[in-house]
Amino acid sequence: MDLTLPESWRDHLAGEFEKPYFHKLTEFVDAERAAYTVFPPESQVFSALKLTPLEDVRVMILGQDPYHDDGQAHGLCFSVQPGVKSPPSLVNIFKELKSDLDAPIPSSGYLVPWAEQGVLLLNAVLTVRAHEANSHKNKGWETFTDAVIQTVSAKDSPVVFVLWGAYAQKKVPLIDASKHVILQSAHPSPLSARAGFFGSKPFSKINEALRANGTPEIDWRLP
């Protein structure tokens, strides 16, 4: 596995690579790649950390598992590569974006412009076997991404943590709520969007919190 961490994260996370769980995780992912197709490509596993340096993180949106169909996953939660049809959860995120900010529905589900503005789009699990959802769950990635969450929580400057759905909300104990803003709602998947994601206005609430923190808003509009 390509273990090149971007410099801003290295001091905080490189120690994880030395731990027994990470050695086992690396062996597992390497064996999976040797036997199956694994998403995202190796060079994109740490895309979220590469595109959003630690010092730039102002918002963190937590996903669960990478997309597992061809050409979708590229290392950012909920995002797909250019030219790929937006999956149902992302379609619902865009519906809420329109309802919340009256922003046009984007033609592409490529969320890199958000990441470049300081939105860390992190999945809890960073790899998946093709066409098999959750196939790399409980293999060690969660321990690593918990360390990422705790690293962000340790920042002096306030961050807005966005936790959609019960899985993400289990991470609340890792976050210093006295310093950061935590926004919680139902998950945008078709199974739960109507149970509290639609109408939750996450984008305006994030920008409101950023303004209160004295930091620039995110421009959520996408091409």
Protein backbone atom coordinates (compact mmCIF):
# COMPACT_ATOMS: atom_id res chain seq x y z
CA MET A 1 0.00 0.00 0.00
CA ASP A 2 1.28 3.46 -0.85
CA LEU A 3 1.71 5.07 2.57
CA THR A 4 2.62 8.58 1.48
CA LEU A 5 0.88 10.96 3.84
CA PRO A 6 0.75 14.65 2.98
CA GLU A 7 3.20 16.65 5.05
CA SER A 8 0.65 18.56 7.14
CA TRP A 9 -0.81 15.30 8.48
CA ARG A 10 2.44 13.36 8.78
CA ASP A 11 3.57 14.52 12.24
CA HIS A 12 0.19 13.60 13.71
CA LEU A 13 -0.56 10.32 11.94
CA ALA A 14 2.73 8.69 10.90
CA GLY A 15 2.87 6.96 14.30
CA GLU A 16 -0.27 5.01 13.36
CA PHE A 17 1.71 3.28 10.58
CA GLU A 18 3.99 1.71 13.20
CA LYS A 19 1.17 0.12 15.19
CA PRO A 20 0.33 -3.60 14.88
CA TYR A 21 -3.23 -2.94 13.64
CA PHE A 22 -1.89 -0.91 10.73
CA HIS A 23 0.61 -3.60 9.72
CA LYS A 24 -2.28 -6.10 9.61
CA LEU A 25 -4.43 -3.64 7.67
CA THR A 26 -1.69 -3.07 5.09
CA GLU A 27 -1.20 -6.81 4.59
CA PHE A 28 -4.97 -7.26 4.19
CA VAL A 29 -5.37 -4.47 1.60
CA ASP A 30 -2.29 -5.62 -0.35
CA ALA A 31 -3.67 -9.19 -0.47
CA GLU A 32 -7.09 -7.88 -1.58
CA ARG A 33 -5.50 -5.83 -4.37
CA ALA A 34 -3.53 -8.88 -5.51
CA ALA A 35 -6.70 -11.02 -5.73
CA TYR A 36 -9.49 -8.55 -6.55
CA THR A 37 -10.22 -5.09 -7.86
CA VAL A 38 -10.14 -2.64 -4.96
CA PHE A 39 -11.46 0.93 -4.94
CA PRO A 40 -10.27 3.63 -4.89
CA PRO A 41 -6.98 3.22 -6.79
CA GLU A 42 -4.00 3.06 -4.45
CA SER A 43 -2.83 6.57 -5.31
CA GLN A 44 -6.19 8.00 -4.20
CA VAL A 45 -6.69 6.25 -0.86
CA PHE A 46 -5.53 9.36 1.05
CA SER A 47 -7.08 11.91 -1.35
CA ALA A 48 -9.12 13.56 1.42
CA LEU A 49 -5.94 14.28 3.41
CA LYS A 50 -4.01 15.37 0.30
CA LEU A 51 -6.65 17.83 -0.88
CA THR A 52 -7.38 19.34 2.54
CA PRO A 53 -4.24 20.02 4.61
CA LEU A 54 -4.77 19.87 8.37
CA GLU A 55 -4.24 23.61 8.85
CA ASP A 56 -6.98 24.32 6.26
CA VAL A 57 -9.68 22.05 7.74
CA ARG A 58 -12.71 24.16 8.70
CA VAL A 59 -15.46 21.60 8.07
CA MET A 60 -15.39 17.82 8.35
CA ILE A 61 -18.05 15.63 6.73
CA LEU A 62 -17.82 11.99 7.72
CA GLY A 63 -18.85 9.17 5.38
CA GLN A 64 -18.76 5.44 5.95
CA ASP A 65 -17.60 3.23 3.06
CA PRO A 66 -16.23 4.11 -0.40
CA TYR A 67 -18.50 3.65 -3.41
CA HIS A 68 -17.92 0.15 -4.78
CA ASP A 69 -18.92 0.42 -8.46
CA ASP A 70 -16.51 1.04 -11.33
CA GLY A 71 -14.98 4.49 -11.63
CA GLN A 72 -16.84 6.05 -8.70
CA ALA A 73 -14.57 6.24 -5.64
CA HIS A 74 -11.57 8.54 -5.61
CA GLY A 75 -10.93 8.99 -1.89
CA LEU A 76 -13.49 11.65 -0.89
CA CYS A 77 -16.70 10.66 0.88
CA PHE A 78 -19.87 11.09 -1.20
CA SER A 79 -17.84 12.34 -4.21
CA VAL A 80 -17.53 10.60 -7.59
CA GLN A 81 -15.09 11.11 -10.42
CA PRO A 82 -16.00 13.54 -13.22
CA GLY A 83 -18.41 12.12 -15.77
CA VAL A 84 -19.76 9.47 -13.38
CA LYS A 85 -23.46 9.51 -12.53
CA SER A 86 -24.18 10.76 -8.99
CA PRO A 87 -25.24 7.91 -6.67
CA PRO A 88 -28.56 8.24 -4.77
CA SER A 89 -27.09 9.70 -1.54
CA LEU A 90 -25.27 12.37 -3.51
CA VAL A 91 -28.43 13.15 -5.52
CA ASN A 92 -30.17 13.76 -2.19
CA ILE A 93 -27.31 15.95 -0.94
CA PHE A 94 -27.70 18.07 -4.08
CA LYS A 95 -31.49 18.26 -3.60
CA GLU A 96 -30.94 19.57 -0.08
CA LEU A 97 -28.29 21.99 -1.36
CA LYS A 98 -30.84 23.43 -3.78
CA SER A 99 -33.57 23.57 -1.14
CA ASP A 100 -31.24 25.11 1.47
CA LEU A 101 -29.28 27.67 -0.58
CA ASP A 102 -31.20 27.72 -3.87
CA ALA A 103 -27.98 26.58 -5.54
CA PRO A 104 -28.35 24.91 -8.93
CA ILE A 105 -28.21 21.09 -8.97
CA PRO A 106 -24.62 20.34 -10.07
CA SER A 107 -24.01 18.46 -13.31
CA SER A 108 -21.08 16.62 -11.71
CA GLY A 109 -20.72 14.81 -8.40
CA TYR A 110 -17.03 15.73 -8.17
CA LEU A 111 -16.67 17.42 -4.78
CA VAL A 112 -13.01 18.45 -5.04
CA PRO A 113 -13.95 22.19 -5.02
CA TRP A 114 -15.38 21.68 -1.52
CA ALA A 115 -12.23 19.86 -0.35
CA GLU A 116 -10.05 22.67 -1.70
CA GLN A 117 -11.95 25.17 0.46
CA GLY A 118 -11.24 23.30 3.70
CA VAL A 119 -14.00 20.68 3.78
CA LEU A 120 -12.42 17.37 4.85
CA LEU A 121 -14.50 14.66 3.14
CA LEU A 122 -13.42 11.57 5.06
CA ASN A 123 -14.81 8.05 4.92
CA ALA A 124 -14.42 5.91 8.05
CA VAL A 125 -13.20 3.03 5.84
CA LEU A 126 -10.82 4.00 3.02
CA THR A 127 -10.93 0.96 0.69
CA VAL A 128 -13.51 -1.53 -0.59
CA ARG A 129 -13.55 -4.62 -2.79
CA ALA A 130 -15.29 -3.93 -6.11
CA HIS A 131 -19.07 -4.48 -6.00
CA GLU A 132 -19.00 -5.64 -2.35
CA ALA A 133 -20.15 -2.95 0.06
CA ASN A 134 -18.49 -2.90 3.50
CA SER A 135 -16.06 -5.64 2.45
CA HIS A 136 -13.15 -3.83 4.17
CA LYS A 137 -15.09 -2.95 7.30
CA ASN A 138 -13.54 -3.77 10.70
CA LYS A 139 -10.10 -4.44 9.22
CA GLY A 140 -8.38 -1.47 10.88
CA TRP A 141 -9.32 1.57 8.81
CA GLU A 142 -11.74 2.76 11.50
CA THR A 143 -8.90 2.94 14.03
CA PHE A 144 -6.87 5.06 11.62
CA THR A 145 -9.72 7.41 10.69
CA ASP A 146 -10.66 7.79 14.37
CA ALA A 147 -7.09 9.10 14.80
CA VAL A 148 -7.76 11.56 11.96
CA ILE A 149 -10.96 12.76 13.69
CA GLN A 150 -9.08 13.19 16.98
CA THR A 151 -6.30 15.09 15.18
CA VAL A 152 -8.87 17.51 13.75
CA SER A 153 -10.55 17.82 17.15
CA ALA A 154 -7.18 18.76 18.68
CA LYS A 155 -6.91 21.81 16.41
CA ASP A 156 -7.01 25.14 18.25
CA SER A 157 -9.30 26.73 15.68
CA PRO A 158 -12.97 25.67 15.71
CA VAL A 159 -14.16 23.17 13.09
CA VAL A 160 -17.73 22.29 12.05
CA PHE A 161 -18.21 18.51 12.23
CA VAL A 162 -21.07 17.19 10.08
CA LEU A 163 -22.37 13.77 11.17
CA TRP A 164 -25.06 12.32 8.91
CA GLY A 165 -26.68 9.13 10.19
CA ALA A 166 -26.20 6.85 13.19
CA TYR A 167 -22.83 5.49 12.06
CA ALA A 168 -21.21 8.94 11.87
CA GLN A 169 -22.89 10.04 15.10
CA LYS A 170 -21.06 7.29 17.00
CA LYS A 171 -17.94 9.46 16.55
CA VAL A 172 -19.26 12.27 18.79
CA PRO A 173 -17.12 11.13 21.79
CA LEU A 174 -13.97 11.73 19.70
CA ILE A 175 -14.81 15.41 19.23
CA ASP A 176 -14.23 18.23 21.73
CA ALA A 177 -17.72 19.75 21.74
CA SER A 178 -16.61 22.65 23.94
CA LYS A 179 -14.46 23.94 21.07
CA HIS A 180 -16.13 22.70 17.89
CA VAL A 181 -19.61 22.78 16.35
CA ILE A 182 -21.29 19.38 15.76
CA LEU A 183 -24.18 19.21 13.27
CA GLN A 184 -26.18 15.95 13.25
CA SER A 185 -29.06 14.75 11.10
CA ALA A 186 -30.35 11.66 9.30
CA HIS A 187 -28.21 10.20 6.51
CA PRO A 188 -28.86 11.38 2.93
CA SER A 189 -29.37 7.84 1.64
CA PRO A 190 -32.80 7.11 0.09
CA LEU A 191 -33.59 4.91 3.12
CA SER A 192 -33.40 7.77 5.60
CA ALA A 193 -33.32 11.13 3.77
CA ARG A 194 -37.02 11.76 4.41
CA ALA A 195 -36.56 10.91 8.09
CA GLY A 196 -34.67 14.10 8.85
CA PHE A 197 -32.02 14.82 6.21
CA PHE A 198 -34.32 16.76 3.89
CA GLY A 199 -34.98 20.12 5.51
CA SER A 200 -31.99 19.93 7.86
CA LYS A 201 -30.30 22.86 6.02
CA PRO A 202 -26.73 21.69 6.67
CA PHE A 203 -25.06 24.04 4.21
CA SER A 204 -26.51 27.26 5.60
CA LYS A 205 -25.91 26.01 9.16
CA ILE A 206 -22.25 25.28 8.37
CA ASN A 207 -21.78 28.75 6.91
CA GLU A 208 -23.54 30.31 9.88
CA ALA A 209 -21.14 28.50 12.24
CA LEU A 210 -18.14 29.56 10.14
CA ARG A 211 -19.27 33.19 10.24
CA ALA A 212 -19.65 32.94 14.02
CA ASN A 213 -16.09 31.55 14.17
CA GLY A 214 -14.86 34.50 12.12
CA THR A 215 -13.78 32.31 9.18
CA PRO A 216 -14.88 32.59 5.51
CA GLU A 217 -17.96 30.70 4.36
CA ILE A 218 -17.79 27.74 1.97
CA ASP A 219 -19.02 28.40 -1.57
CA TRP A 220 -21.09 25.24 -1.97
CA ARG A 221 -22.02 25.85 -5.61
CA LEU A 222 -20.53 23.35 -8.03
CA PRO A 223 -20.36 23.49 -11.84
